[in-house]
Protein backbone atom coordinates (compact mmCIF):
# COMPACT_ATOMS: atom_id res chain seq x y z
CA UNK A 1 -91.84 -53.88 -83.48
CA UNK A 2 -90.89 -55.13 -86.43
CA UNK A 3 -87.02 -56.78 -86.10
CA UNK A 4 -85.95 -56.10 -89.54
CA UNK A 5 -85.57 -52.97 -91.64
CA UNK A 6 -85.79 -53.09 -95.44
CA UNK A 7 -84.75 -49.72 -97.43
CA UNK A 8 -85.86 -49.64 -101.77
CA UNK A 9 -85.02 -47.70 -103.91
CA UNK A 10 -87.11 -46.49 -107.27
CA UNK A 11 -85.92 -43.58 -109.41
CA UNK A 12 -87.94 -44.26 -112.40
CA UNK A 13 -91.65 -43.47 -110.81
CA UNK A 14 -93.44 -42.24 -107.48
CA UNK A 15 -94.28 -44.57 -105.14
CA UNK A 16 -97.31 -45.61 -104.19
CA UNK A 17 -97.81 -45.06 -108.58
CA UNK A 18 -95.30 -48.06 -109.22
CA UNK A 19 -97.84 -50.68 -108.74
CA UNK A 20 -95.06 -53.35 -108.26
CA UNK A 21 -93.06 -51.61 -106.02
CA UNK A 22 -95.96 -50.49 -103.66
CA UNK A 23 -97.13 -54.46 -103.87
CA UNK A 24 -93.87 -55.40 -102.67
CA UNK A 25 -93.62 -52.77 -100.40
CA UNK A 26 -97.05 -54.26 -98.47
CA UNK A 27 -96.08 -57.65 -98.78
CA UNK A 28 -93.03 -57.40 -96.79
CA UNK A 29 -94.64 -55.16 -94.50
CA UNK A 30 -97.00 -58.20 -93.95
CA UNK A 31 -93.90 -60.65 -93.54
CA UNK A 32 -92.98 -58.52 -90.55
CA UNK A 33 -90.50 -55.93 -92.09
CA UNK A 34 -90.19 -52.36 -91.40
CA UNK A 35 -90.79 -50.73 -94.94
CA UNK A 36 -88.72 -47.53 -96.12
CA UNK A 37 -89.12 -46.31 -100.12
CA UNK A 38 -86.60 -43.61 -101.91
CA UNK A 39 -88.22 -42.74 -105.14
CA UNK A 40 -88.96 -39.47 -107.18
CA UNK A 41 -91.81 -37.07 -106.33
CA UNK A 42 -94.89 -37.43 -108.83
CA UNK A 43 -95.91 -34.45 -111.17
CA UNK A 44 -99.80 -34.58 -110.25
CA UNK A 45 -99.22 -37.84 -107.45
CA UNK A 46 -97.49 -38.36 -104.77
CA UNK A 47 -96.03 -35.10 -104.35
CA UNK A 48 -95.38 -34.83 -100.63
CA UNK A 49 -91.71 -35.04 -99.79
CA UNK A 50 -92.44 -37.84 -97.20
CA UNK A 51 -96.00 -39.80 -96.19
CA UNK A 52 -96.53 -42.95 -94.05
CA UNK A 53 -98.93 -44.82 -96.00
CA UNK A 54 -100.55 -47.88 -94.66
CA UNK A 55 -97.29 -48.34 -92.65
CA UNK A 56 -94.79 -48.23 -95.57
CA UNK A 57 -92.50 -44.86 -94.75
CA UNK A 58 -92.20 -43.43 -97.89
CA UNK A 59 -89.42 -40.37 -98.91
CA UNK A 60 -89.42 -38.54 -102.01
CA UNK A 61 -87.12 -36.42 -103.86
CA UNK A 62 -87.66 -33.71 -106.70
CA UNK A 63 -86.48 -34.93 -110.15
CA UNK A 64 -86.69 -33.43 -113.50
CA UNK A 65 -87.07 -35.90 -116.55
CA UNK A 66 -84.52 -36.37 -119.21
CA UNK A 67 -84.70 -34.20 -122.13
CA UNK A 68 -81.85 -34.36 -124.66
CA UNK A 69 -81.44 -38.27 -125.28
CA UNK A 70 -78.40 -39.70 -122.87
CA UNK A 71 -76.64 -36.84 -121.44
CA UNK A 72 -80.38 -35.85 -120.46
CA UNK A 73 -80.60 -39.07 -118.76
CA UNK A 74 -76.29 -38.34 -117.24
CA UNK A 75 -78.24 -35.84 -115.58
CA UNK A 76 -81.06 -37.07 -114.43
CA UNK A 77 -79.99 -40.19 -112.95
CA UNK A 78 -76.71 -38.39 -111.41
CA UNK A 79 -79.27 -36.24 -109.58
CA UNK A 80 -81.13 -38.99 -108.63
CA UNK A 81 -77.95 -40.38 -107.10
CA UNK A 82 -77.61 -37.43 -104.88
CA UNK A 83 -81.00 -37.50 -103.45
CA UNK A 84 -81.14 -40.61 -102.86
CA UNK A 85 -77.70 -41.02 -100.87
CA UNK A 86 -79.24 -37.92 -98.72
CA UNK A 87 -82.61 -40.02 -97.98
CA UNK A 88 -80.93 -42.70 -97.05
CA UNK A 89 -78.82 -41.37 -94.36
CA UNK A 90 -82.39 -40.04 -93.09
CA UNK A 91 -83.52 -43.95 -93.02
CA UNK A 92 -80.48 -44.98 -91.00
CA UNK A 93 -79.56 -48.58 -91.36
CA UNK A 94 -80.97 -51.27 -92.81
CA UNK A 95 -80.65 -55.08 -92.97
CA UNK A 96 -81.91 -55.57 -96.63
CA UNK A 97 -81.52 -52.41 -99.66
CA UNK A 98 -83.26 -53.44 -102.70
CA UNK A 99 -82.93 -51.72 -105.79
CA UNK A 100 -85.11 -51.50 -108.84
CA UNK A 101 -83.73 -51.31 -111.82
CA UNK A 102 -83.54 -48.63 -114.65
CA UNK A 103 -81.05 -47.29 -114.08
CA UNK A 104 -78.27 -49.53 -113.07
CA UNK A 105 -76.75 -47.37 -110.44
CA UNK A 106 -77.69 -47.90 -107.17
CA UNK A 107 -75.05 -50.65 -106.85
CA UNK A 108 -72.63 -47.34 -106.19
CA UNK A 109 -74.18 -46.67 -102.55
CA UNK A 110 -74.48 -49.92 -101.34
CA UNK A 111 -70.61 -49.16 -101.16
CA UNK A 112 -71.04 -46.29 -98.67
CA UNK A 113 -73.24 -45.67 -96.02
CA UNK A 114 -75.55 -48.98 -96.92
CA UNK A 115 -72.65 -51.22 -97.29
CA UNK A 116 -73.95 -52.94 -93.96
CA UNK A 117 -77.30 -54.12 -95.89
CA UNK A 118 -77.57 -57.19 -98.07
CA UNK A 119 -78.04 -55.59 -101.40
CA UNK A 120 -81.07 -57.08 -103.45
CA UNK A 121 -81.07 -56.25 -107.53
CA UNK A 122 -84.87 -55.80 -108.66
CA UNK A 123 -84.02 -56.41 -112.49
CA UNK A 124 -87.41 -54.49 -114.24
CA UNK A 125 -85.80 -53.97 -117.19
CA UNK A 126 -82.87 -54.96 -119.12
CA UNK A 127 -80.60 -52.54 -119.83
CA UNK A 128 -78.21 -52.69 -122.68
CA UNK A 129 -81.51 -53.83 -124.52
CA UNK A 130 -83.40 -51.07 -123.25
CA UNK A 131 -80.31 -48.47 -124.43
CA UNK A 132 -80.35 -50.21 -127.97
CA UNK A 133 -84.41 -50.04 -127.89
CA UNK A 134 -84.60 -46.40 -126.91
CA UNK A 135 -82.25 -44.60 -128.30
CA UNK A 136 -80.82 -46.61 -131.74
CA UNK A 137 -77.09 -45.68 -131.26
CA UNK A 138 -76.13 -49.57 -131.98
CA UNK A 139 -73.63 -50.73 -129.68
CA UNK A 140 -71.18 -47.83 -129.23
CA UNK A 141 -69.28 -46.78 -125.93
CA UNK A 142 -72.55 -45.27 -124.31
CA UNK A 143 -74.12 -49.38 -124.49
CA UNK A 144 -70.76 -50.81 -123.28
CA UNK A 145 -70.47 -48.65 -120.65
CA UNK A 146 -74.44 -49.62 -119.61
CA UNK A 147 -73.64 -53.23 -120.10
CA UNK A 148 -70.59 -52.73 -117.52
CA UNK A 149 -73.20 -51.26 -114.95
CA UNK A 150 -75.47 -54.31 -115.18
CA UNK A 151 -72.22 -56.37 -114.76
CA UNK A 152 -71.34 -54.06 -111.70
CA UNK A 153 -75.00 -54.48 -110.46
CA UNK A 154 -74.93 -58.80 -110.84
CA UNK A 155 -71.57 -59.11 -109.03
CA UNK A 156 -72.91 -56.82 -106.07
CA UNK A 157 -75.71 -58.05 -105.78
CA UNK A 158 -76.78 -61.16 -103.25
CA UNK A 159 -80.04 -61.70 -104.76
CA UNK A 160 -81.76 -61.13 -107.85
CA UNK A 161 -85.63 -60.61 -108.60
CA UNK A 162 -86.19 -61.46 -111.83
CA UNK A 163 -89.80 -60.32 -113.35
CA UNK A 164 -89.94 -63.72 -115.77
CA UNK A 165 -87.97 -66.21 -116.92
CA UNK A 166 -86.37 -64.92 -119.65
CA UNK A 167 -84.90 -62.61 -117.39
CA UNK A 168 -83.72 -65.02 -114.71
CA UNK A 169 -82.16 -66.94 -117.58
CA UNK A 170 -80.07 -63.94 -118.39
CA UNK A 171 -78.88 -63.45 -114.45
CA UNK A 172 -78.00 -67.00 -114.39
CA UNK A 173 -75.69 -66.73 -118.09
CA UNK A 174 -74.81 -62.96 -118.65
CA UNK A 175 -75.08 -62.08 -114.72
CA UNK A 176 -73.27 -65.34 -113.73
CA UNK A 177 -75.51 -66.07 -110.54
CA UNK A 178 -76.33 -68.57 -108.91
CA UNK A 179 -79.63 -70.47 -109.64
CA UNK A 180 -80.16 -70.15 -105.48
CA UNK A 181 -79.54 -66.54 -106.02
CA UNK A 182 -82.08 -65.95 -108.47
CA UNK A 183 -85.80 -65.77 -107.56
CA UNK A 184 -88.52 -64.87 -110.43
CA UNK A 185 -91.35 -62.71 -108.90
CA UNK A 186 -93.69 -62.05 -111.64
CA UNK A 187 -95.33 -58.62 -111.91
CA UNK A 188 -99.23 -59.08 -111.66
CA UNK A 189 -102.39 -56.98 -110.72
CA UNK A 190 -103.58 -57.10 -107.24
CA UNK A 191 -107.77 -58.13 -108.45
CA UNK A 192 -109.13 -56.13 -105.60
CA UNK A 193 -107.75 -53.09 -107.01
CA UNK A 194 -108.22 -54.24 -111.25
CA UNK A 195 -112.34 -55.26 -110.89
CA UNK A 196 -115.05 -54.91 -113.27
CA UNK A 197 -117.38 -51.26 -112.50
CA UNK A 198 -120.34 -50.41 -114.36
CA UNK A 199 -119.48 -49.69 -118.33
CA UNK A 200 -119.81 -46.48 -119.22
CA UNK A 201 -121.20 -46.31 -122.86
CA UNK A 202 -120.32 -41.95 -122.83
CA UNK A 203 -116.80 -43.29 -123.15
CA UNK A 204 -117.16 -44.60 -126.60
CA UNK A 205 -118.23 -41.27 -128.09
CA UNK A 206 -121.15 -42.49 -129.86
CA UNK A 207 -119.00 -45.77 -131.74
CA UNK A 208 -120.37 -49.02 -130.54
CA UNK A 209 -116.71 -50.57 -129.87
CA UNK A 210 -114.33 -49.00 -127.66
CA UNK A 211 -110.46 -49.80 -128.25
CA UNK A 212 -108.02 -49.21 -125.17
CA UNK A 213 -104.29 -48.93 -124.11
CA UNK A 214 -102.87 -48.53 -121.33
CA UNK A 215 -99.59 -47.80 -120.27
CA UNK A 216 -96.46 -45.73 -120.48
CA UNK A 217 -96.03 -43.96 -123.81
CA UNK A 218 -92.24 -44.15 -124.74
CA UNK A 219 -90.08 -44.70 -127.80
CA UNK A 220 -89.84 -48.18 -127.11
CA UNK A 221 -93.79 -49.03 -126.44
CA UNK A 222 -95.41 -49.05 -129.69
CA UNK A 223 -98.03 -46.30 -129.20
CA UNK A 224 -97.22 -45.15 -132.72
CA UNK A 225 -97.54 -48.76 -133.81
CA UNK A 226 -101.22 -48.87 -132.62
CA UNK A 227 -101.59 -45.46 -134.20
CA UNK A 228 -100.39 -46.55 -137.78
CA UNK A 229 -102.68 -49.88 -137.04
CA UNK A 230 -105.54 -47.97 -135.94
CA UNK A 231 -105.42 -45.80 -139.23
CA UNK A 232 -105.35 -49.29 -141.37
CA UNK A 233 -108.57 -50.13 -139.50
CA UNK A 234 -110.33 -47.34 -140.88
CA UNK A 235 -108.34 -47.53 -144.15
CA UNK A 236 -108.00 -50.89 -145.33
CA UNK A 237 -110.87 -52.87 -143.12
CA UNK A 238 -113.43 -49.83 -143.58
CA UNK A 239 -114.28 -49.40 -140.26
CA UNK A 240 -115.06 -46.41 -138.35
CA UNK A 241 -117.15 -47.98 -135.95
CA UNK A 242 -114.47 -47.56 -132.44
CA UNK A 243 -113.45 -45.06 -130.29
CA UNK A 244 -110.11 -45.28 -129.20
CA UNK A 245 -108.71 -44.02 -125.59
CA UNK A 246 -104.77 -43.81 -125.07
CA UNK A 247 -104.64 -43.55 -121.49
CA UNK A 248 -101.25 -42.94 -119.69
CA UNK A 249 -98.31 -40.69 -120.44
CA UNK A 250 -94.54 -40.35 -121.23
CA UNK A 251 -91.66 -39.18 -123.33
CA UNK A 252 -93.52 -39.30 -126.44
CA UNK A 253 -96.80 -38.24 -125.63
CA UNK A 254 -96.90 -35.20 -127.24
CA UNK A 255 -95.48 -37.01 -130.05
CA UNK A 256 -98.15 -39.61 -130.05
CA UNK A 257 -100.61 -36.78 -130.11
CA UNK A 258 -99.09 -34.69 -133.07
CA UNK A 259 -98.66 -38.24 -134.97
CA UNK A 260 -102.67 -38.68 -134.21
CA UNK A 261 -103.86 -35.47 -136.23
CA UNK A 262 -101.23 -36.45 -138.68
CA UNK A 263 -103.26 -39.83 -139.49
CA UNK A 264 -106.36 -38.06 -139.43
CA UNK A 265 -107.80 -39.54 -135.98
CA UNK A 266 -108.19 -36.83 -134.04
CA UNK A 267 -112.16 -37.75 -133.72
CA UNK A 268 -111.56 -41.62 -133.70
CA UNK A 269 -108.71 -41.53 -130.63
CA UNK A 270 -108.26 -39.89 -126.79
CA UNK A 271 -105.33 -39.26 -124.77
CA UNK A 272 -106.25 -39.35 -121.33
CA UNK A 273 -103.27 -38.41 -119.41
CA UNK A 274 -102.77 -41.01 -116.57
CA UNK A 275 -105.73 -41.91 -114.62
CA UNK A 276 -106.52 -42.60 -111.04
CA UNK A 277 -108.20 -46.00 -110.44
CA UNK A 278 -111.76 -44.27 -110.40
CA UNK A 279 -110.63 -43.00 -114.06
CA UNK A 280 -109.54 -45.86 -115.38
CA UNK A 281 -111.21 -48.91 -114.38
CA UNK A 282 -114.64 -47.56 -116.29
CA UNK A 283 -112.25 -47.24 -119.31
CA UNK A 284 -110.84 -51.16 -119.08
CA UNK A 285 -114.60 -52.08 -117.76
CA UNK A 286 -116.38 -50.81 -121.31
CA UNK A 287 -113.02 -51.55 -123.40
CA UNK A 288 -113.99 -54.10 -125.89
CA UNK A 289 -110.55 -55.26 -126.95
CA UNK A 290 -107.12 -54.02 -125.76
CA UNK A 291 -104.23 -52.83 -127.62
CA UNK A 292 -100.77 -54.03 -126.55
CA UNK A 293 -98.85 -53.33 -129.34
CA UNK A 294 -95.24 -53.45 -127.81
CA UNK A 295 -92.71 -53.70 -131.32
CA UNK A 296 -90.66 -56.36 -131.21
CA UNK A 297 -86.84 -55.67 -130.45
CA UNK A 298 -84.18 -57.13 -127.45
CA UNK A 299 -86.30 -55.52 -124.99
CA UNK A 300 -89.83 -56.31 -125.79
CA UNK A 301 -89.03 -60.08 -126.64
CA UNK A 302 -88.15 -60.93 -123.61
CA UNK A 303 -90.12 -58.67 -121.26
CA UNK A 304 -93.28 -59.15 -119.44
CA UNK A 305 -95.70 -55.91 -120.13
CA UNK A 306 -97.89 -54.93 -117.40
CA UNK A 307 -100.41 -53.71 -119.47
CA UNK A 308 -101.49 -57.25 -120.82
CA UNK A 309 -101.50 -58.71 -117.23
CA UNK A 310 -103.75 -55.76 -116.22
CA UNK A 311 -105.49 -56.16 -119.27
CA UNK A 312 -106.90 -59.66 -118.23
CA UNK A 313 -107.38 -58.85 -114.90
CA UNK A 314 -110.31 -57.12 -116.21
CA UNK A 315 -111.11 -59.99 -118.47
CA UNK A 316 -110.47 -57.86 -121.65
CA UNK A 317 -109.25 -59.79 -124.94
CA UNK A 318 -106.14 -58.49 -126.15
CA UNK A 319 -104.38 -58.17 -129.28
CA UNK A 320 -100.88 -58.10 -129.83
CA UNK A 321 -97.49 -58.43 -131.89
CA UNK A 322 -96.25 -61.85 -131.60
CA UNK A 323 -93.34 -61.74 -128.59
CA UNK A 324 -91.46 -64.62 -126.73
CA UNK A 325 -92.55 -63.16 -123.26
CA UNK A 326 -96.03 -62.04 -124.60
CA UNK A 327 -97.74 -65.15 -125.30
CA UNK A 328 -96.22 -66.99 -121.82
CA UNK A 329 -98.22 -64.32 -120.05
CA UNK A 330 -101.01 -64.08 -122.23
CA UNK A 331 -101.68 -67.12 -123.67
CA UNK A 332 -105.25 -67.68 -125.48
CA UNK A 333 -105.93 -64.44 -124.00
CA UNK A 334 -104.29 -63.02 -126.67
CA UNK A 335 -104.87 -62.65 -130.71
CA UNK A 336 -101.23 -62.52 -132.19
CA UNK A 337 -100.31 -60.65 -134.97
CA UNK A 338 -96.46 -61.32 -136.79
CA UNK A 339 -94.22 -58.91 -135.21
CA UNK A 340 -94.44 -55.37 -135.94
CA UNK A 341 -97.07 -56.00 -138.87
CA UNK A 342 -99.49 -53.29 -138.79
CA UNK A 343 -102.31 -54.33 -141.37
CA UNK A 344 -102.24 -57.90 -139.66
CA UNK A 345 -102.43 -55.85 -136.26
CA UNK A 346 -105.42 -54.19 -137.61
CA UNK A 347 -107.20 -57.17 -138.94
CA UNK A 348 -107.03 -58.94 -135.39
CA UNK A 349 -108.96 -55.92 -134.04
CA UNK A 350 -111.56 -56.51 -137.04
CA UNK A 351 -112.16 -59.96 -136.17
CA UNK A 352 -112.60 -59.17 -132.13
CA UNK A 353 -115.12 -56.25 -132.64
CA UNK A 354 -116.71 -58.68 -135.26
CA UNK A 355 -116.76 -61.67 -133.13
CA UNK A 356 -118.78 -61.52 -129.14
CA UNK A 357 -118.41 -64.60 -128.17
CA UNK A 358 -114.74 -65.26 -128.40
CA UNK A 359 -113.94 -61.86 -126.98
CA UNK A 360 -115.84 -62.84 -123.92
CA UNK A 361 -114.07 -66.37 -123.92
CA UNK A 362 -110.74 -64.96 -124.16
CA UNK A 363 -111.71 -62.48 -121.24
CA UNK A 364 -112.51 -65.42 -119.00
CA UNK A 365 -109.60 -66.84 -120.22
CA UNK A 366 -107.48 -64.35 -119.13
CA UNK A 367 -108.85 -63.89 -115.75
CA UNK A 368 -108.38 -66.89 -114.96
CA UNK A 369 -105.06 -67.16 -116.07
CA UNK A 370 -104.39 -64.08 -113.70
CA UNK A 371 -106.62 -65.18 -110.45
CA UNK A 372 -104.54 -68.63 -110.93
CA UNK A 373 -100.97 -69.72 -112.24
CA UNK A 374 -99.91 -66.12 -112.89
CA UNK A 375 -101.40 -64.45 -109.68
CA UNK A 376 -99.49 -62.08 -107.53
CA UNK A 377 -100.03 -64.60 -104.46
CA UNK A 378 -97.25 -67.03 -106.01
CA UNK A 379 -95.05 -63.77 -106.29
CA UNK A 380 -94.95 -62.70 -103.26
CA UNK A 381 -94.49 -65.87 -101.51
CA UNK A 382 -91.17 -66.08 -104.00
CA UNK A 383 -90.50 -62.23 -102.73
CA UNK A 384 -90.31 -63.56 -99.42
CA UNK A 385 -88.18 -66.21 -100.10
CA UNK A 386 -85.98 -63.79 -102.13
CA UNK A 387 -85.24 -61.73 -98.61
CA UNK A 388 -84.89 -64.67 -96.97
CA UNK A 389 -81.80 -65.96 -98.92
CA UNK A 390 -80.45 -62.63 -99.29
CA UNK A 391 -80.15 -62.61 -95.37
CA UNK A 392 -78.74 -65.67 -95.65
CA UNK A 393 -76.26 -65.36 -98.47
CA UNK A 394 -73.90 -63.39 -96.00
CA UNK A 395 -75.84 -64.42 -93.30
């Protein structure tokens, strides 16, 4: 029987839909931990209040997504905290509380019933930068409150898990953590899951080429930039020999469908919503070029984009805006347009469509990066080391 118990707290996605959290859960299970996860229920998947999947106990609560700006998020987060505290009582004492942000609020629970557990802060996003990028309100009183919450979370954490070296540097400087308290656990796709399947030409809707976007559709994710770049691909490059699939959903999903119609792209663009692996893999296996249109912002410049890692795992070339951590992830597996330049983005897509040898070369580079230096195998070792450090921190 496992002698140590871990409780992972997630607010913004259900599990196992949250691929990073699910991978972390199974790594810890394999390392001998009894793993519990508290997370929201999904809308179509992960709907059961409780599930025991591959030895990981998942406790889920109902949660209505935020609407109406920052106050909507306050309501959402308050409900999530209440349900998390309620379900944590069922789980009982644990050795490690592993809190994934956003939001930077779970430290509030560490003082109470969860106080006996060491606190591991898994920083998926930079809260202050996310606020600036998402709401466009500037450094107002809510921004200052978000910064305060981040400081309190850093202070409470025995160990911080960072998704890349940029985040690690922020944990060391802004967070005041010691180097031995901060571990880089990069998000990386599992290659046995992201595997090529037979291409499906029907997904191209009668066109020679398929373009794909995979990911969340929120205000900071740049789907609007991608759509405007595709309009320029049609109008400036004179190309309609492609079809584009946008896979995923989010706060701006309906708005992006409306923008597609406004740009006259409805016959060239399909929105699929979220897809399971059976639906997703045929699209990525058929795609000729994959899109990473995240615009330059304080958050995006230093964040690792899961979509880029997943494109590379599938051996697909990427067109991206020129972001610092985007280059760290993709290297020569991507072409980089100047930040937020939609015309340049469209030109790079056109260039790749005309060069099958370059597409193949870039795809091979990306696959090698994800299976080598950026592989989940390296990250899993860092995760286990972070837990051991947390136990020693107050041990």
